[in-house]
N, C-alpha and C. Protein backbone atom coordinates (compact mmCIF):
# COMPACT_ATOMS: atom_id res chain seq x y z
N MET A 1 7.29 -8.67 2.41
CA MET A 1 5.98 -9.04 1.90
C MET A 1 6.13 -9.47 0.46
N ARG A 2 5.46 -10.54 0.13
CA ARG A 2 5.62 -11.10 -1.20
C ARG A 2 4.30 -11.16 -1.94
N THR A 3 4.40 -11.16 -3.24
CA THR A 3 3.24 -11.28 -4.10
C THR A 3 3.03 -12.76 -4.42
N LEU A 4 1.79 -13.22 -4.34
CA LEU A 4 1.44 -14.56 -4.78
C LEU A 4 1.01 -14.45 -6.23
N SER A 5 1.43 -15.38 -7.05
CA SER A 5 1.06 -15.36 -8.46
C SER A 5 0.37 -16.66 -8.83
N THR A 6 -0.64 -16.55 -9.70
CA THR A 6 -1.32 -17.71 -10.25
C THR A 6 -1.18 -17.63 -11.77
N ALA A 7 -1.86 -18.48 -12.48
CA ALA A 7 -1.78 -18.46 -13.94
C ALA A 7 -2.19 -17.10 -14.51
N ARG A 8 -3.19 -16.46 -13.90
CA ARG A 8 -3.69 -15.19 -14.42
C ARG A 8 -3.53 -14.01 -13.48
N LEU A 9 -3.33 -14.26 -12.22
CA LEU A 9 -3.47 -13.21 -11.21
C LEU A 9 -2.21 -12.93 -10.43
N GLU A 10 -2.15 -11.71 -9.91
CA GLU A 10 -1.18 -11.35 -8.88
C GLU A 10 -1.97 -10.98 -7.64
N LEU A 11 -1.58 -11.56 -6.50
CA LEU A 11 -2.20 -11.25 -5.22
C LEU A 11 -1.16 -10.50 -4.43
N ARG A 12 -1.29 -9.17 -4.44
CA ARG A 12 -0.28 -8.27 -3.85
C ARG A 12 -0.59 -7.97 -2.40
N SER A 13 0.43 -7.97 -1.57
CA SER A 13 0.28 -7.62 -0.15
C SER A 13 -0.41 -6.27 -0.02
N TRP A 14 -1.25 -6.16 1.01
CA TRP A 14 -2.04 -4.94 1.21
C TRP A 14 -1.13 -3.74 1.40
N GLU A 15 -1.46 -2.64 0.75
CA GLU A 15 -0.63 -1.44 0.84
C GLU A 15 -1.49 -0.18 0.89
N GLU A 16 -0.86 0.89 1.25
CA GLU A 16 -1.54 2.18 1.44
C GLU A 16 -2.41 2.56 0.25
N GLY A 17 -1.93 2.33 -0.95
CA GLY A 17 -2.63 2.76 -2.15
C GLY A 17 -3.91 2.00 -2.47
N PHE A 18 -4.26 0.97 -1.70
CA PHE A 18 -5.45 0.17 -2.00
C PHE A 18 -6.74 0.73 -1.38
N GLU A 19 -6.64 1.79 -0.60
CA GLU A 19 -7.84 2.27 0.10
C GLU A 19 -8.95 2.68 -0.87
N ASP A 20 -8.63 3.38 -1.94
CA ASP A 20 -9.67 3.81 -2.88
C ASP A 20 -10.31 2.61 -3.58
N ASP A 21 -9.50 1.59 -3.90
CA ASP A 21 -10.06 0.38 -4.51
C ASP A 21 -10.99 -0.33 -3.54
N LEU A 22 -10.60 -0.39 -2.26
CA LEU A 22 -11.46 -1.00 -1.25
C LEU A 22 -12.77 -0.22 -1.13
N PHE A 23 -12.70 1.09 -1.17
CA PHE A 23 -13.92 1.88 -1.09
C PHE A 23 -14.82 1.63 -2.29
N ARG A 24 -14.24 1.52 -3.46
CA ARG A 24 -15.04 1.23 -4.66
C ARG A 24 -15.80 -0.08 -4.48
N LEU A 25 -15.14 -1.11 -3.94
CA LEU A 25 -15.80 -2.40 -3.71
C LEU A 25 -16.83 -2.30 -2.59
N SER A 26 -16.41 -1.76 -1.46
CA SER A 26 -17.25 -1.78 -0.26
C SER A 26 -18.43 -0.82 -0.33
N SER A 27 -18.45 0.08 -1.28
CA SER A 27 -19.59 0.99 -1.45
C SER A 27 -20.57 0.48 -2.51
N ASP A 28 -20.28 -0.68 -3.09
CA ASP A 28 -21.12 -1.27 -4.13
C ASP A 28 -22.13 -2.24 -3.48
N GLU A 29 -23.42 -1.97 -3.65
CA GLU A 29 -24.46 -2.80 -3.04
C GLU A 29 -24.37 -4.26 -3.47
N ARG A 30 -24.01 -4.50 -4.72
CA ARG A 30 -23.90 -5.89 -5.20
C ARG A 30 -22.82 -6.64 -4.44
N MET A 31 -21.72 -5.96 -4.18
CA MET A 31 -20.59 -6.57 -3.48
C MET A 31 -20.92 -6.87 -2.03
N MET A 32 -21.60 -5.95 -1.39
CA MET A 32 -21.80 -6.02 0.06
C MET A 32 -23.06 -6.78 0.48
N ARG A 33 -23.84 -7.23 -0.47
CA ARG A 33 -25.11 -7.89 -0.17
C ARG A 33 -24.97 -9.01 0.86
N PHE A 34 -23.89 -9.78 0.80
CA PHE A 34 -23.69 -10.92 1.71
C PHE A 34 -22.53 -10.70 2.67
N ILE A 35 -22.19 -9.46 2.95
CA ILE A 35 -21.10 -9.17 3.88
C ILE A 35 -21.68 -8.38 5.06
N GLY A 36 -21.48 -8.93 6.26
CA GLY A 36 -21.97 -8.26 7.47
C GLY A 36 -23.46 -8.00 7.42
N ASP A 37 -23.85 -6.75 7.63
CA ASP A 37 -25.27 -6.39 7.65
C ASP A 37 -25.83 -6.14 6.25
N GLY A 38 -25.01 -6.33 5.22
CA GLY A 38 -25.48 -6.19 3.85
C GLY A 38 -25.50 -4.79 3.30
N ARG A 39 -25.07 -3.83 4.12
CA ARG A 39 -25.09 -2.42 3.68
C ARG A 39 -23.71 -1.99 3.19
N PRO A 40 -23.67 -1.15 2.15
CA PRO A 40 -22.39 -0.59 1.71
C PRO A 40 -21.71 0.16 2.84
N TRP A 41 -20.39 0.20 2.78
CA TRP A 41 -19.60 0.88 3.80
C TRP A 41 -19.44 2.36 3.46
N SER A 42 -19.36 3.16 4.49
CA SER A 42 -19.03 4.57 4.33
C SER A 42 -17.54 4.70 4.06
N ARG A 43 -17.15 5.89 3.66
CA ARG A 43 -15.72 6.17 3.46
C ARG A 43 -14.97 5.96 4.78
N GLU A 44 -15.58 6.38 5.90
CA GLU A 44 -14.93 6.25 7.21
C GLU A 44 -14.74 4.78 7.61
N ARG A 45 -15.78 3.97 7.41
CA ARG A 45 -15.65 2.55 7.74
C ARG A 45 -14.60 1.88 6.87
N THR A 46 -14.58 2.25 5.61
CA THR A 46 -13.57 1.70 4.70
C THR A 46 -12.18 2.08 5.17
N ALA A 47 -11.97 3.32 5.56
CA ALA A 47 -10.66 3.78 6.04
C ALA A 47 -10.25 3.01 7.30
N GLU A 48 -11.20 2.76 8.20
CA GLU A 48 -10.89 1.99 9.40
C GLU A 48 -10.46 0.57 9.05
N ARG A 49 -11.18 -0.07 8.15
CA ARG A 49 -10.84 -1.45 7.75
C ARG A 49 -9.50 -1.48 7.03
N HIS A 50 -9.27 -0.50 6.19
CA HIS A 50 -8.00 -0.40 5.47
C HIS A 50 -6.84 -0.32 6.47
N GLN A 51 -6.95 0.54 7.47
CA GLN A 51 -5.89 0.67 8.48
C GLN A 51 -5.73 -0.62 9.27
N ALA A 52 -6.83 -1.30 9.57
CA ALA A 52 -6.75 -2.59 10.28
C ALA A 52 -6.00 -3.62 9.44
N CYS A 53 -6.20 -3.59 8.13
CA CYS A 53 -5.49 -4.51 7.22
C CYS A 53 -3.99 -4.24 7.24
N LEU A 54 -3.62 -2.98 7.22
CA LEU A 54 -2.20 -2.62 7.28
C LEU A 54 -1.59 -3.07 8.60
N ARG A 55 -2.31 -2.87 9.71
CA ARG A 55 -1.82 -3.29 11.03
C ARG A 55 -1.68 -4.81 11.12
N HIS A 56 -2.63 -5.55 10.53
CA HIS A 56 -2.57 -7.02 10.56
C HIS A 56 -1.28 -7.49 9.89
N TRP A 57 -0.93 -6.90 8.74
CA TRP A 57 0.32 -7.25 8.07
C TRP A 57 1.52 -6.97 8.97
N GLU A 58 1.52 -5.80 9.60
CA GLU A 58 2.63 -5.44 10.49
C GLU A 58 2.76 -6.42 11.65
N GLN A 59 1.64 -6.81 12.21
CA GLN A 59 1.66 -7.67 13.39
C GLN A 59 1.93 -9.13 13.06
N TYR A 60 1.35 -9.65 11.99
CA TYR A 60 1.42 -11.08 11.71
C TYR A 60 2.22 -11.47 10.47
N GLY A 61 2.50 -10.52 9.59
CA GLY A 61 3.25 -10.84 8.38
C GLY A 61 2.42 -11.45 7.27
N PHE A 62 1.11 -11.38 7.38
CA PHE A 62 0.20 -11.82 6.33
C PHE A 62 -1.12 -11.08 6.53
N GLY A 63 -2.03 -11.23 5.57
CA GLY A 63 -3.31 -10.55 5.70
C GLY A 63 -4.00 -10.39 4.36
N TRP A 64 -4.70 -9.26 4.21
CA TRP A 64 -5.42 -8.99 2.97
C TRP A 64 -4.42 -8.72 1.84
N ARG A 65 -4.88 -9.00 0.63
CA ARG A 65 -4.10 -8.74 -0.58
C ARG A 65 -5.04 -8.15 -1.63
N GLY A 66 -4.46 -7.37 -2.52
CA GLY A 66 -5.21 -6.90 -3.68
C GLY A 66 -5.11 -7.96 -4.77
N ILE A 67 -6.23 -8.25 -5.42
CA ILE A 67 -6.25 -9.18 -6.56
C ILE A 67 -6.08 -8.34 -7.82
N PHE A 68 -5.09 -8.68 -8.62
CA PHE A 68 -4.85 -7.96 -9.88
C PHE A 68 -4.92 -8.93 -11.04
N ASP A 69 -5.76 -8.58 -12.00
CA ASP A 69 -5.94 -9.35 -13.22
C ASP A 69 -5.43 -8.50 -14.38
N ARG A 70 -4.32 -8.92 -14.97
CA ARG A 70 -3.68 -8.17 -16.06
C ARG A 70 -3.40 -6.73 -15.64
N GLY A 71 -3.00 -6.54 -14.41
CA GLY A 71 -2.64 -5.23 -13.90
C GLY A 71 -3.78 -4.41 -13.33
N ASP A 72 -5.02 -4.87 -13.50
CA ASP A 72 -6.18 -4.13 -13.00
C ASP A 72 -6.66 -4.70 -11.67
N PHE A 73 -7.00 -3.82 -10.74
CA PHE A 73 -7.53 -4.25 -9.44
C PHE A 73 -8.86 -4.96 -9.66
N ALA A 74 -8.94 -6.22 -9.18
CA ALA A 74 -10.13 -7.03 -9.42
C ALA A 74 -10.77 -7.52 -8.12
N GLY A 75 -10.23 -7.14 -6.97
CA GLY A 75 -10.84 -7.57 -5.73
C GLY A 75 -9.85 -7.68 -4.59
N VAL A 76 -10.31 -8.38 -3.55
CA VAL A 76 -9.56 -8.54 -2.31
C VAL A 76 -9.44 -10.02 -2.01
N ALA A 77 -8.24 -10.43 -1.63
CA ALA A 77 -7.97 -11.79 -1.17
C ALA A 77 -7.55 -11.68 0.29
N ALA A 78 -8.08 -12.56 1.15
CA ALA A 78 -7.81 -12.38 2.58
C ALA A 78 -7.41 -13.65 3.29
N LEU A 79 -6.33 -13.55 4.04
CA LEU A 79 -5.96 -14.53 5.07
C LEU A 79 -5.77 -13.72 6.33
N ASN A 80 -6.51 -14.07 7.37
CA ASN A 80 -6.44 -13.35 8.64
C ASN A 80 -6.49 -14.34 9.78
N ARG A 81 -6.00 -13.91 10.93
CA ARG A 81 -6.26 -14.70 12.13
C ARG A 81 -7.76 -14.64 12.36
N LEU A 82 -8.35 -15.75 12.73
CA LEU A 82 -9.80 -15.83 12.88
C LEU A 82 -10.33 -14.79 13.86
N GLY A 83 -9.69 -14.68 15.00
CA GLY A 83 -10.07 -13.64 15.96
C GLY A 83 -11.46 -13.80 16.52
N THR A 84 -12.50 -13.47 15.76
CA THR A 84 -13.87 -13.58 16.23
C THR A 84 -14.16 -15.04 16.55
N LYS A 85 -14.67 -15.26 17.71
CA LYS A 85 -14.86 -16.64 18.16
C LYS A 85 -15.88 -17.39 17.32
N VAL A 86 -15.50 -18.62 16.98
CA VAL A 86 -16.39 -19.59 16.38
C VAL A 86 -16.30 -20.79 17.31
N PRO A 87 -17.40 -21.18 17.94
CA PRO A 87 -17.35 -22.29 18.89
C PRO A 87 -16.65 -23.52 18.31
N GLY A 88 -15.62 -24.00 19.02
CA GLY A 88 -14.89 -25.19 18.60
C GLY A 88 -13.71 -24.94 17.69
N ILE A 89 -13.51 -23.71 17.24
CA ILE A 89 -12.35 -23.41 16.39
C ILE A 89 -11.48 -22.41 17.13
N GLU A 90 -10.21 -22.73 17.27
CA GLU A 90 -9.29 -21.89 18.01
C GLU A 90 -9.13 -20.52 17.33
N GLU A 91 -8.93 -19.49 18.14
CA GLU A 91 -8.86 -18.12 17.64
C GLU A 91 -7.64 -17.89 16.74
N ASP A 92 -6.59 -18.69 16.87
CA ASP A 92 -5.42 -18.47 16.03
C ASP A 92 -5.50 -19.23 14.70
N ALA A 93 -6.64 -19.88 14.44
CA ALA A 93 -6.84 -20.48 13.12
C ALA A 93 -6.81 -19.36 12.08
N ILE A 94 -6.51 -19.71 10.87
CA ILE A 94 -6.47 -18.71 9.80
C ILE A 94 -7.79 -18.75 9.04
N GLU A 95 -8.35 -17.55 8.83
CA GLU A 95 -9.59 -17.42 8.07
C GLU A 95 -9.25 -16.99 6.65
N ILE A 96 -9.92 -17.61 5.69
CA ILE A 96 -9.74 -17.31 4.28
C ILE A 96 -11.00 -16.61 3.76
N GLY A 97 -10.80 -15.67 2.83
CA GLY A 97 -11.94 -15.00 2.22
C GLY A 97 -11.53 -14.29 0.95
N TRP A 98 -12.51 -13.83 0.20
CA TRP A 98 -12.25 -13.15 -1.07
C TRP A 98 -13.45 -12.29 -1.42
N TRP A 99 -13.17 -11.19 -2.07
CA TRP A 99 -14.20 -10.33 -2.66
C TRP A 99 -13.73 -10.07 -4.08
N VAL A 100 -14.47 -10.55 -5.05
CA VAL A 100 -14.14 -10.27 -6.45
C VAL A 100 -15.10 -9.21 -6.95
N ALA A 101 -14.57 -8.19 -7.60
CA ALA A 101 -15.38 -7.09 -8.12
C ALA A 101 -16.48 -7.62 -9.04
N PRO A 102 -17.68 -7.08 -8.94
CA PRO A 102 -18.80 -7.57 -9.76
C PRO A 102 -18.50 -7.64 -11.25
N GLU A 103 -17.74 -6.70 -11.76
CA GLU A 103 -17.44 -6.74 -13.20
C GLU A 103 -16.54 -7.92 -13.58
N ALA A 104 -15.96 -8.61 -12.61
CA ALA A 104 -15.10 -9.77 -12.87
C ALA A 104 -15.76 -11.09 -12.48
N TRP A 105 -17.02 -11.05 -12.04
CA TRP A 105 -17.72 -12.27 -11.65
C TRP A 105 -17.86 -13.23 -12.84
N GLY A 106 -17.87 -14.51 -12.53
CA GLY A 106 -18.12 -15.53 -13.55
C GLY A 106 -16.91 -15.94 -14.36
N ARG A 107 -15.74 -15.48 -13.98
CA ARG A 107 -14.52 -15.81 -14.75
C ARG A 107 -13.58 -16.74 -13.99
N GLY A 108 -14.00 -17.24 -12.83
CA GLY A 108 -13.18 -18.17 -12.07
C GLY A 108 -12.10 -17.53 -11.23
N LEU A 109 -12.13 -16.20 -11.10
CA LEU A 109 -11.08 -15.51 -10.34
C LEU A 109 -11.14 -15.85 -8.85
N ALA A 110 -12.34 -16.00 -8.31
CA ALA A 110 -12.47 -16.31 -6.88
C ALA A 110 -11.89 -17.69 -6.58
N THR A 111 -12.17 -18.68 -7.42
CA THR A 111 -11.63 -20.02 -7.20
C THR A 111 -10.11 -20.01 -7.32
N GLU A 112 -9.59 -19.35 -8.33
CA GLU A 112 -8.14 -19.27 -8.53
C GLU A 112 -7.47 -18.58 -7.33
N THR A 113 -8.11 -17.52 -6.85
CA THR A 113 -7.61 -16.81 -5.68
C THR A 113 -7.63 -17.70 -4.45
N ALA A 114 -8.77 -18.36 -4.22
CA ALA A 114 -8.94 -19.20 -3.04
C ALA A 114 -7.93 -20.34 -3.00
N LEU A 115 -7.65 -20.95 -4.14
CA LEU A 115 -6.65 -22.03 -4.18
C LEU A 115 -5.27 -21.51 -3.80
N ALA A 116 -4.91 -20.34 -4.32
CA ALA A 116 -3.60 -19.76 -4.00
C ALA A 116 -3.51 -19.42 -2.52
N LEU A 117 -4.56 -18.84 -1.96
CA LEU A 117 -4.57 -18.50 -0.54
C LEU A 117 -4.49 -19.76 0.32
N ARG A 118 -5.27 -20.76 -0.03
CA ARG A 118 -5.27 -22.02 0.73
C ARG A 118 -3.86 -22.60 0.81
N ASP A 119 -3.20 -22.68 -0.35
CA ASP A 119 -1.87 -23.28 -0.37
C ASP A 119 -0.85 -22.43 0.36
N ASP A 120 -1.00 -21.11 0.31
CA ASP A 120 -0.11 -20.23 1.06
C ASP A 120 -0.32 -20.40 2.56
N ALA A 121 -1.58 -20.52 2.97
CA ALA A 121 -1.88 -20.67 4.40
C ALA A 121 -1.23 -21.93 4.97
N PHE A 122 -1.37 -23.05 4.28
CA PHE A 122 -0.81 -24.29 4.79
C PHE A 122 0.68 -24.42 4.49
N GLY A 123 1.12 -23.86 3.37
CA GLY A 123 2.52 -23.94 3.01
C GLY A 123 3.38 -22.94 3.75
N GLU A 124 3.40 -21.73 3.27
CA GLU A 124 4.26 -20.67 3.81
C GLU A 124 3.94 -20.32 5.27
N LEU A 125 2.65 -20.27 5.60
CA LEU A 125 2.25 -19.83 6.94
C LEU A 125 2.17 -20.96 7.96
N GLY A 126 2.20 -22.20 7.49
CA GLY A 126 2.19 -23.34 8.40
C GLY A 126 0.89 -23.53 9.17
N ALA A 127 -0.22 -23.11 8.61
CA ALA A 127 -1.51 -23.24 9.29
C ALA A 127 -1.83 -24.70 9.60
N GLN A 128 -2.51 -24.90 10.70
CA GLN A 128 -3.02 -26.22 11.05
C GLN A 128 -4.50 -26.36 10.67
N ARG A 129 -5.16 -25.22 10.57
CA ARG A 129 -6.59 -25.22 10.26
C ARG A 129 -6.95 -23.93 9.54
N LEU A 130 -7.78 -24.06 8.53
CA LEU A 130 -8.28 -22.94 7.76
C LEU A 130 -9.79 -22.90 7.95
N ALA A 131 -10.31 -21.72 8.23
CA ALA A 131 -11.76 -21.54 8.41
C ALA A 131 -12.28 -20.51 7.42
N ALA A 132 -13.55 -20.62 7.09
CA ALA A 132 -14.19 -19.64 6.20
C ALA A 132 -15.64 -19.50 6.65
N ARG A 133 -16.19 -18.31 6.41
CA ARG A 133 -17.59 -18.05 6.76
C ARG A 133 -18.29 -17.44 5.56
N TYR A 134 -19.55 -17.80 5.41
CA TYR A 134 -20.37 -17.17 4.37
C TYR A 134 -21.83 -17.17 4.81
N GLN A 135 -22.56 -16.19 4.29
CA GLN A 135 -23.99 -16.14 4.58
C GLN A 135 -24.71 -17.15 3.70
N PRO A 136 -25.73 -17.85 4.25
CA PRO A 136 -26.39 -18.92 3.50
C PRO A 136 -26.88 -18.53 2.11
N GLY A 137 -27.26 -17.29 1.87
CA GLY A 137 -27.70 -16.89 0.54
C GLY A 137 -26.58 -16.79 -0.48
N ASN A 138 -25.34 -16.79 -0.02
CA ASN A 138 -24.19 -16.64 -0.91
C ASN A 138 -23.64 -18.02 -1.27
N GLU A 139 -24.44 -18.77 -1.99
CA GLU A 139 -24.06 -20.14 -2.34
C GLU A 139 -22.83 -20.19 -3.26
N ALA A 140 -22.57 -19.13 -4.02
CA ALA A 140 -21.38 -19.12 -4.88
C ALA A 140 -20.12 -19.26 -4.03
N SER A 141 -20.04 -18.52 -2.92
CA SER A 141 -18.88 -18.66 -2.04
C SER A 141 -18.83 -20.04 -1.41
N GLY A 142 -19.98 -20.56 -1.03
CA GLY A 142 -20.03 -21.91 -0.46
C GLY A 142 -19.49 -22.95 -1.44
N ARG A 143 -19.83 -22.83 -2.72
CA ARG A 143 -19.33 -23.77 -3.73
C ARG A 143 -17.82 -23.67 -3.89
N ILE A 144 -17.29 -22.45 -3.82
CA ILE A 144 -15.84 -22.29 -3.93
C ILE A 144 -15.15 -22.96 -2.75
N MET A 145 -15.71 -22.84 -1.57
CA MET A 145 -15.12 -23.47 -0.39
C MET A 145 -15.04 -24.98 -0.58
N VAL A 146 -16.09 -25.58 -1.15
CA VAL A 146 -16.08 -27.02 -1.43
C VAL A 146 -15.00 -27.33 -2.48
N LYS A 147 -14.90 -26.51 -3.52
CA LYS A 147 -13.91 -26.74 -4.58
C LYS A 147 -12.48 -26.76 -4.06
N ILE A 148 -12.21 -25.98 -3.00
CA ILE A 148 -10.84 -25.94 -2.48
C ILE A 148 -10.62 -26.95 -1.35
N GLY A 149 -11.63 -27.82 -1.14
CA GLY A 149 -11.46 -28.91 -0.18
C GLY A 149 -12.06 -28.69 1.20
N MET A 150 -12.72 -27.57 1.41
CA MET A 150 -13.29 -27.29 2.72
C MET A 150 -14.57 -28.10 2.93
N ARG A 151 -14.87 -28.33 4.20
CA ARG A 151 -16.08 -29.07 4.58
C ARG A 151 -16.92 -28.21 5.51
N ALA A 152 -18.22 -28.47 5.49
CA ALA A 152 -19.12 -27.76 6.39
C ALA A 152 -18.72 -28.05 7.83
N TYR A 153 -18.71 -27.03 8.65
CA TYR A 153 -18.38 -27.17 10.07
C TYR A 153 -19.62 -26.92 10.93
N GLY A 154 -20.41 -25.92 10.59
CA GLY A 154 -21.60 -25.61 11.36
C GLY A 154 -22.10 -24.22 11.07
N ASP A 155 -23.14 -23.84 11.76
CA ASP A 155 -23.73 -22.52 11.58
C ASP A 155 -23.54 -21.70 12.86
N THR A 156 -23.43 -20.40 12.68
CA THR A 156 -23.28 -19.49 13.80
C THR A 156 -23.90 -18.15 13.42
N VAL A 157 -23.60 -17.14 14.18
CA VAL A 157 -24.12 -15.80 13.92
C VAL A 157 -22.93 -14.87 13.74
N GLY A 158 -22.99 -14.00 12.73
CA GLY A 158 -21.92 -13.05 12.46
C GLY A 158 -21.98 -11.84 13.37
N THR A 159 -21.03 -10.94 13.21
CA THR A 159 -20.91 -9.77 14.08
C THR A 159 -22.08 -8.81 13.97
N ALA A 160 -22.81 -8.84 12.85
CA ALA A 160 -23.98 -7.97 12.69
C ALA A 160 -25.28 -8.71 12.99
N GLY A 161 -25.15 -9.93 13.55
CA GLY A 161 -26.33 -10.72 13.87
C GLY A 161 -26.84 -11.56 12.72
N GLU A 162 -26.14 -11.59 11.62
CA GLU A 162 -26.56 -12.33 10.44
C GLU A 162 -26.22 -13.82 10.59
N PRO A 163 -27.04 -14.71 10.00
CA PRO A 163 -26.70 -16.14 10.01
C PRO A 163 -25.47 -16.38 9.15
N VAL A 164 -24.58 -17.25 9.62
CA VAL A 164 -23.32 -17.52 8.93
C VAL A 164 -23.05 -19.02 8.95
N ARG A 165 -22.63 -19.54 7.81
CA ARG A 165 -22.16 -20.92 7.72
C ARG A 165 -20.64 -20.90 7.82
N VAL A 166 -20.12 -21.88 8.53
CA VAL A 166 -18.67 -21.99 8.72
C VAL A 166 -18.19 -23.26 8.03
N CYS A 167 -17.10 -23.15 7.31
CA CYS A 167 -16.43 -24.30 6.69
C CYS A 167 -15.01 -24.36 7.24
N GLU A 168 -14.41 -25.54 7.15
CA GLU A 168 -13.04 -25.69 7.63
C GLU A 168 -12.27 -26.65 6.73
N LEU A 169 -10.96 -26.54 6.82
CA LEU A 169 -10.05 -27.47 6.18
C LEU A 169 -8.87 -27.65 7.12
N ARG A 170 -8.59 -28.88 7.46
CA ARG A 170 -7.46 -29.18 8.35
C ARG A 170 -6.24 -29.55 7.52
N ARG A 171 -5.08 -29.34 8.11
CA ARG A 171 -3.82 -29.58 7.42
C ARG A 171 -3.76 -30.99 6.82
N ALA A 172 -4.11 -32.01 7.58
CA ALA A 172 -4.04 -33.38 7.08
C ALA A 172 -4.90 -33.57 5.84
N ASP A 173 -6.07 -32.94 5.81
CA ASP A 173 -6.94 -33.05 4.65
C ASP A 173 -6.36 -32.30 3.46
N TRP A 174 -5.72 -31.15 3.70
CA TRP A 174 -5.05 -30.41 2.63
C TRP A 174 -3.91 -31.26 2.07
N GLU A 175 -3.13 -31.87 2.94
CA GLU A 175 -2.02 -32.71 2.48
C GLU A 175 -2.52 -33.85 1.61
N ALA A 176 -3.68 -34.43 1.95
CA ALA A 176 -4.25 -35.51 1.15
C ALA A 176 -4.72 -35.05 -0.23
N LEU A 177 -5.00 -33.75 -0.37
CA LEU A 177 -5.43 -33.19 -1.66
C LEU A 177 -4.27 -33.00 -2.62
N ARG A 178 -3.06 -32.89 -2.07
CA ARG A 178 -1.89 -32.56 -2.89
C ARG A 178 -1.44 -33.77 -3.69
N PRO A 179 -0.97 -33.54 -4.91
CA PRO A 179 -0.50 -34.66 -5.74
C PRO A 179 0.75 -35.29 -5.20
């Protein structure tokens, strides 16, 4: 497992010690407002998700990462197999996502993270298609998806019944973005 580095950040492969940091994020109402049903996670739900992240790394060799800014945990960076069906997108497509801690909002960390994840997905992982989902009220995430070259794909419903917008980026379009 390797660390991805950007100008300011380290995106470290998910590890056992990140569970408390995940709980700090997932129990914050500001953070969870546009995730799933919008409710903070319990300690038990956080532990289940944490274990699922560890298993994803074991099974696929990629997955969630901790975002570190000058050595401090600043959020979560995610590349996962899509898994949950999105009509018209194959289940083995890679899904991209990020959660930046509220105290780090407004500093461009999400965009920097998303660019690094995008390039890793198409470069190292050989993805053919990248997908992302966001709730319509979370326009900040939607803008980041556009910044990294993604296009609107359509609307669907999330696992908690929430409305979700889907964006995508295909390999050929990513290649056209590269200098």
